Amino acid sequence: MKAEMNVIDRILIIRLQGELDHHSVESVRNNIEQTIADGNHRKVVLSFKGIDFMDSSGLGLILGRYRSISQHDGQMVLCEVSENLRKLFEVSGILKIISLYDTEADACRALGRK
Protein backbone atom coordinates (compact mmCIF):
# COMPACT_ATOMS: atom_id res chain seq x y z
CA MET A 1 0.00 0.00 0.00
CA LYS A 2 1.31 3.39 -0.97
CA ALA A 3 0.01 6.93 -0.51
CA GLU A 4 1.57 9.50 -2.82
CA MET A 5 0.95 13.05 -1.60
CA ASN A 6 1.29 16.34 -3.46
CA VAL A 7 0.14 19.86 -2.75
CA ILE A 8 -1.28 21.87 -5.64
CA ASP A 9 -2.76 25.32 -5.02
CA ARG A 10 -2.99 24.62 -1.27
CA ILE A 11 -4.94 21.40 -1.88
CA LEU A 12 -3.41 18.20 -0.50
CA ILE A 13 -3.88 15.44 -3.08
CA ILE A 14 -3.49 11.92 -1.77
CA ARG A 15 -3.22 9.21 -4.42
CA LEU A 16 -3.76 5.80 -2.86
CA GLN A 17 -2.27 2.74 -4.55
CA GLY A 18 -2.47 -0.96 -3.80
CA GLU A 19 -4.65 -2.78 -1.30
CA LEU A 20 -6.23 -0.73 1.47
CA ASP A 21 -6.96 -3.30 4.15
CA HIS A 22 -6.50 -3.88 7.87
CA HIS A 23 -2.83 -4.76 7.27
CA SER A 24 -1.96 -1.42 5.69
CA VAL A 25 -4.47 1.10 7.00
CA GLU A 26 -2.62 2.08 10.20
CA SER A 27 0.59 3.18 8.50
CA VAL A 28 -1.34 4.99 5.74
CA ARG A 29 -3.54 6.72 8.34
CA ASN A 30 -0.52 7.85 10.37
CA ASN A 31 1.25 9.11 7.25
CA ILE A 32 -1.80 11.08 6.10
CA GLU A 33 -2.47 12.54 9.57
CA GLN A 34 1.15 13.65 9.92
CA THR A 35 1.15 15.27 6.48
CA ILE A 36 -2.12 17.10 7.19
CA ALA A 37 -0.86 18.33 10.56
CA ASP A 38 2.59 19.37 9.30
CA GLY A 39 1.15 21.37 6.41
CA ASN A 40 -1.96 22.61 8.21
CA HIS A 41 -3.95 21.39 5.20
CA ARG A 42 -7.67 22.20 5.11
CA LYS A 43 -8.51 20.96 1.61
CA VAL A 44 -7.91 17.31 0.78
CA VAL A 45 -8.58 15.15 -2.28
CA LEU A 46 -8.42 11.36 -1.84
CA SER A 47 -7.86 9.61 -5.18
CA PHE A 48 -8.69 5.92 -5.43
CA LYS A 49 -7.47 5.43 -8.99
CA GLY A 50 -4.74 3.00 -7.89
CA ILE A 51 -6.74 0.99 -5.37
CA ASP A 52 -7.00 -2.70 -6.21
CA PHE A 53 -8.89 -3.77 -3.08
CA MET A 54 -10.40 -2.12 -0.01
CA ASP A 55 -12.11 -3.59 3.04
CA SER A 56 -14.06 -1.95 5.87
CA SER A 57 -10.89 -0.63 7.51
CA GLY A 58 -10.51 1.58 4.42
CA LEU A 59 -13.94 3.03 5.12
CA GLY A 60 -12.75 3.83 8.64
CA LEU A 61 -9.69 5.56 7.21
CA ILE A 62 -11.88 7.76 5.01
CA LEU A 63 -14.35 8.64 7.76
CA GLY A 64 -11.61 9.35 10.29
CA ARG A 65 -9.77 11.75 7.97
CA TYR A 66 -13.08 13.40 7.02
CA ARG A 67 -13.91 13.97 10.71
CA SER A 68 -10.50 15.32 11.54
CA ILE A 69 -10.48 17.72 8.57
CA SER A 70 -14.07 18.82 9.19
CA GLN A 71 -13.29 19.62 12.83
CA HIS A 72 -10.75 22.15 11.56
CA ASP A 73 -13.21 23.75 9.12
CA GLY A 74 -11.69 21.91 6.18
CA GLN A 75 -13.07 20.00 3.22
CA MET A 76 -12.34 16.56 1.84
CA VAL A 77 -13.58 14.99 -1.39
CA LEU A 78 -13.08 11.65 -3.12
CA CYS A 79 -12.28 10.95 -6.76
CA GLU A 80 -11.40 8.33 -9.35
CA VAL A 81 -13.36 5.54 -7.71
CA SER A 82 -13.92 2.20 -9.46
CA GLU A 83 -17.47 0.91 -9.88
CA ASN A 84 -16.94 -1.70 -7.15
CA LEU A 85 -15.71 0.91 -4.68
CA ARG A 86 -18.53 3.25 -5.65
CA LYS A 87 -21.04 0.53 -4.68
CA LEU A 88 -19.25 0.02 -1.35
CA PHE A 89 -19.30 3.77 -0.70
CA GLU A 90 -23.02 3.98 -1.54
CA VAL A 91 -23.95 1.07 0.73
CA SER A 92 -21.84 2.45 3.59
CA GLY A 93 -23.44 5.92 3.34
CA ILE A 94 -20.12 7.72 2.81
CA LEU A 95 -21.43 9.43 -0.32
CA LYS A 96 -24.15 11.10 1.78
CA ILE A 97 -21.51 13.15 3.58
CA ILE A 98 -18.48 13.22 1.26
CA SER A 99 -18.66 14.36 -2.36
CA LEU A 100 -17.35 12.13 -5.12
CA TYR A 101 -15.88 13.34 -8.44
CA ASP A 102 -14.94 11.42 -11.57
CA THR A 103 -11.50 13.01 -11.98
CA GLU A 104 -8.84 14.56 -9.81
CA ALA A 105 -9.18 17.82 -11.76
CA ASP A 106 -12.93 17.94 -11.04
CA ALA A 107 -12.27 17.31 -7.36
CA CYS A 108 -9.68 20.10 -7.19
CA ARG A 109 -12.04 22.51 -8.96
CA ALA A 110 -14.73 21.69 -6.41
CA LEU A 111 -12.33 22.70 -3.65
CA GLY A 112 -11.58 26.02 -5.28
CA ARG A 113 -8.64 25.34 -7.59
CA LYS A 114 -8.86 27.44 -10.69
C-alpha atoms as a PDB file:
ATOM      1  CA  MET A   1       0.000   0.000   0.000  1.00  0.00           C
ATOM      2  CA  LYS A   2       1.314   3.388  -0.967  1.00  0.00           C
ATOM      3  CA  ALA A   3       0.014   6.932  -0.512  1.00  0.00           C
ATOM      4  CA  GLU A   4       1.569   9.497  -2.824  1.00  0.00           C
ATOM      5  CA  MET A   5       0.952  13.046  -1.600  1.00  0.00           C
ATOM      6  CA  ASN A   6       1.291  16.338  -3.463  1.00  0.00           C
ATOM      7  CA  VAL A   7       0.138  19.863  -2.747  1.00  0.00           C
ATOM      8  CA  ILE A   8      -1.284  21.866  -5.643  1.00  0.00           C
ATOM      9  CA  ASP A   9      -2.762  25.321  -5.023  1.00  0.00           C
ATOM     10  CA  ARG A  10      -2.989  24.618  -1.270  1.00  0.00           C
ATOM     11  CA  ILE A  11      -4.942  21.401  -1.881  1.00  0.00           C
ATOM     12  CA  LEU A  12      -3.414  18.199  -0.500  1.00  0.00           C
ATOM     13  CA  ILE A  13      -3.883  15.443  -3.079  1.00  0.00           C
ATOM     14  CA  ILE A  14      -3.489  11.915  -1.770  1.00  0.00           C
ATOM     15  CA  ARG A  15      -3.222   9.208  -4.421  1.00  0.00           C
ATOM     16  CA  LEU A  16      -3.762   5.804  -2.865  1.00  0.00           C
ATOM     17  CA  GLN A  17      -2.272   2.738  -4.553  1.00  0.00           C
ATOM     18  CA  GLY A  18      -2.471  -0.961  -3.804  1.00  0.00           C
ATOM     19  CA  GLU A  19      -4.649  -2.782  -1.297  1.00  0.00           C
ATOM     20  CA  LEU A  20      -6.230  -0.734   1.472  1.00  0.00           C
ATOM     21  CA  ASP A  21      -6.964  -3.304   4.152  1.00  0.00           C
ATOM     22  CA  HIS A  22      -6.498  -3.885   7.870  1.00  0.00           C
ATOM     23  CA  HIS A  23      -2.834  -4.761   7.274  1.00  0.00           C
ATOM     24  CA  SER A  24      -1.958  -1.421   5.690  1.00  0.00           C
ATOM     25  CA  VAL A  25      -4.470   1.098   7.003  1.00  0.00           C
ATOM     26  CA  GLU A  26      -2.625   2.079  10.198  1.00  0.00           C
ATOM     27  CA  SER A  27       0.587   3.175   8.497  1.00  0.00           C
ATOM     28  CA  VAL A  28      -1.341   4.987   5.745  1.00  0.00           C
ATOM     29  CA  ARG A  29      -3.545   6.722   8.344  1.00  0.00           C
ATOM     30  CA  ASN A  30      -0.524   7.850  10.369  1.00  0.00           C
ATOM     31  CA  ASN A  31       1.249   9.112   7.251  1.00  0.00           C
ATOM     32  CA  ILE A  32      -1.803  11.083   6.105  1.00  0.00           C
ATOM     33  CA  GLU A  33      -2.475  12.542   9.566  1.00  0.00           C
ATOM     34  CA  GLN A  34       1.147  13.646   9.923  1.00  0.00           C
ATOM     35  CA  THR A  35       1.147  15.269   6.480  1.00  0.00           C
ATOM     36  CA  ILE A  36      -2.123  17.101   7.195  1.00  0.00           C
ATOM     37  CA  ALA A  37      -0.857  18.335  10.561  1.00  0.00           C
ATOM     38  CA  ASP A  38       2.590  19.372   9.297  1.00  0.00           C
ATOM     39  CA  GLY A  39       1.151  21.371   6.410  1.00  0.00           C
ATOM     40  CA  ASN A  40      -1.961  22.615   8.207  1.00  0.00           C
ATOM     41  CA  HIS A  41      -3.950  21.386   5.202  1.00  0.00           C
ATOM     42  CA  ARG A  42      -7.668  22.204   5.111  1.00  0.00           C
ATOM     43  CA  LYS A  43      -8.513  20.960   1.610  1.00  0.00           C
ATOM     44  CA  VAL A  44      -7.908  17.307   0.778  1.00  0.00           C
ATOM     45  CA  VAL A  45      -8.579  15.146  -2.277  1.00  0.00           C
ATOM     46  CA  LEU A  46      -8.417  11.365  -1.844  1.00  0.00           C
ATOM     47  CA  SER A  47      -7.861   9.613  -5.179  1.00  0.00           C
ATOM     48  CA  PHE A  48      -8.688   5.915  -5.427  1.00  0.00           C
ATOM     49  CA  LYS A  49      -7.470   5.425  -8.990  1.00  0.00           C
ATOM     50  CA  GLY A  50      -4.735   3.001  -7.892  1.00  0.00           C
ATOM     51  CA  ILE A  51      -6.744   0.990  -5.367  1.00  0.00           C
ATOM     52  CA  ASP A  52      -7.001  -2.701  -6.210  1.00  0.00           C
ATOM     53  CA  PHE A  53      -8.887  -3.765  -3.076  1.00  0.00           C
ATOM     54  CA  MET A  54     -10.397  -2.119  -0.006  1.00  0.00           C
ATOM     55  CA  ASP A  55     -12.108  -3.591   3.044  1.00  0.00           C
ATOM     56  CA  SER A  56     -14.060  -1.955   5.873  1.00  0.00           C
ATOM     57  CA  SER A  57     -10.891  -0.628   7.507  1.00  0.00           C
ATOM     58  CA  GLY A  58     -10.509   1.582   4.419  1.00  0.00           C
ATOM     59  CA  LEU A  59     -13.944   3.030   5.125  1.00  0.00           C
ATOM     60  CA  GLY A  60     -12.750   3.826   8.637  1.00  0.00           C
ATOM     61  CA  LEU A  61      -9.689   5.556   7.207  1.00  0.00           C
ATOM     62  CA  ILE A  62     -11.879   7.756   5.008  1.00  0.00           C
ATOM     63  CA  LEU A  63     -14.354   8.639   7.755  1.00  0.00           C
ATOM     64  CA  GLY A  64     -11.614   9.348  10.287  1.00  0.00           C
ATOM     65  CA  ARG A  65      -9.773  11.752   7.968  1.00  0.00           C
ATOM     66  CA  TYR A  66     -13.077  13.397   7.025  1.00  0.00           C
ATOM     67  CA  ARG A  67     -13.914  13.972  10.709  1.00  0.00           C
ATOM     68  CA  SER A  68     -10.502  15.322  11.536  1.00  0.00           C
ATOM     69  CA  ILE A  69     -10.475  17.723   8.571  1.00  0.00           C
ATOM     70  CA  SER A  70     -14.073  18.824   9.186  1.00  0.00           C
ATOM     71  CA  GLN A  71     -13.292  19.625  12.830  1.00  0.00           C
ATOM     72  CA  HIS A  72     -10.746  22.147  11.561  1.00  0.00           C
ATOM     73  CA  ASP A  73     -13.215  23.750   9.121  1.00  0.00           C
ATOM     74  CA  GLY A  74     -11.686  21.906   6.179  1.00  0.00           C
ATOM     75  CA  GLN A  75     -13.071  20.005   3.218  1.00  0.00           C
ATOM     76  CA  MET A  76     -12.345  16.558   1.841  1.00  0.00           C
ATOM     77  CA  VAL A  77     -13.582  14.987  -1.389  1.00  0.00           C
ATOM     78  CA  LEU A  78     -13.078  11.650  -3.117  1.00  0.00           C
ATOM     79  CA  CYS A  79     -12.282  10.948  -6.757  1.00  0.00           C
ATOM     80  CA  GLU A  80     -11.396   8.326  -9.354  1.00  0.00           C
ATOM     81  CA  VAL A  81     -13.362   5.538  -7.709  1.00  0.00           C
ATOM     82  CA  SER A  82     -13.924   2.203  -9.460  1.00  0.00           C
ATOM     83  CA  GLU A  83     -17.468   0.908  -9.883  1.00  0.00           C
ATOM     84  CA  ASN A  84     -16.944  -1.696  -7.146  1.00  0.00           C
ATOM     85  CA  LEU A  85     -15.709   0.914  -4.678  1.00  0.00           C
ATOM     86  CA  ARG A  86     -18.534   3.248  -5.649  1.00  0.00           C
ATOM     87  CA  LYS A  87     -21.040   0.534  -4.675  1.00  0.00           C
ATOM     88  CA  LEU A  88     -19.246   0.017  -1.346  1.00  0.00           C
ATOM     89  CA  PHE A  89     -19.303   3.773  -0.697  1.00  0.00           C
ATOM     90  CA  GLU A  90     -23.020   3.977  -1.543  1.00  0.00           C
ATOM     91  CA  VAL A  91     -23.952   1.074   0.732  1.00  0.00           C
ATOM     92  CA  SER A  92     -21.842   2.454   3.586  1.00  0.00           C
ATOM     93  CA  GLY A  93     -23.437   5.919   3.341  1.00  0.00           C
ATOM     94  CA  ILE A  94     -20.119   7.723   2.807  1.00  0.00           C
ATOM     95  CA  LEU A  95     -21.431   9.427  -0.317  1.00  0.00           C
ATOM     96  CA  LYS A  96     -24.150  11.103   1.775  1.00  0.00           C
ATOM     97  CA  ILE A  97     -21.509  13.146   3.583  1.00  0.00           C
ATOM     98  CA  ILE A  98     -18.479  13.219   1.258  1.00  0.00           C
ATOM     99  CA  SER A  99     -18.656  14.359  -2.363  1.00  0.00           C
ATOM    100  CA  LEU A 100     -17.348  12.126  -5.125  1.00  0.00           C
ATOM    101  CA  TYR A 101     -15.881  13.340  -8.442  1.00  0.00           C
ATOM    102  CA  ASP A 102     -14.936  11.422 -11.572  1.00  0.00           C
ATOM    103  CA  THR A 103     -11.498  13.014 -11.977  1.00  0.00           C
ATOM    104  CA  GLU A 104      -8.835  14.562  -9.805  1.00  0.00           C
ATOM    105  CA  ALA A 105      -9.177  17.815 -11.762  1.00  0.00           C
ATOM    106  CA  ASP A 106     -12.931  17.942 -11.041  1.00  0.00           C
ATOM    107  CA  ALA A 107     -12.268  17.307  -7.355  1.00  0.00           C
ATOM    108  CA  CYS A 108      -9.684  20.095  -7.192  1.00  0.00           C
ATOM    109  CA  ARG A 109     -12.035  22.510  -8.958  1.00  0.00           C
ATOM    110  CA  ALA A 110     -14.733  21.692  -6.409  1.00  0.00           C
ATOM    111  CA  LEU A 111     -12.328  22.701  -3.653  1.00  0.00           C
ATOM    112  CA  GLY A 112     -11.577  26.020  -5.282  1.00  0.00           C
ATOM    113  CA  ARG A 113      -8.637  25.341  -7.588  1.00  0.00           C
ATOM    114  CA  LYS A 114      -8.864  27.438 -10.685  1.00  0.00           C
END
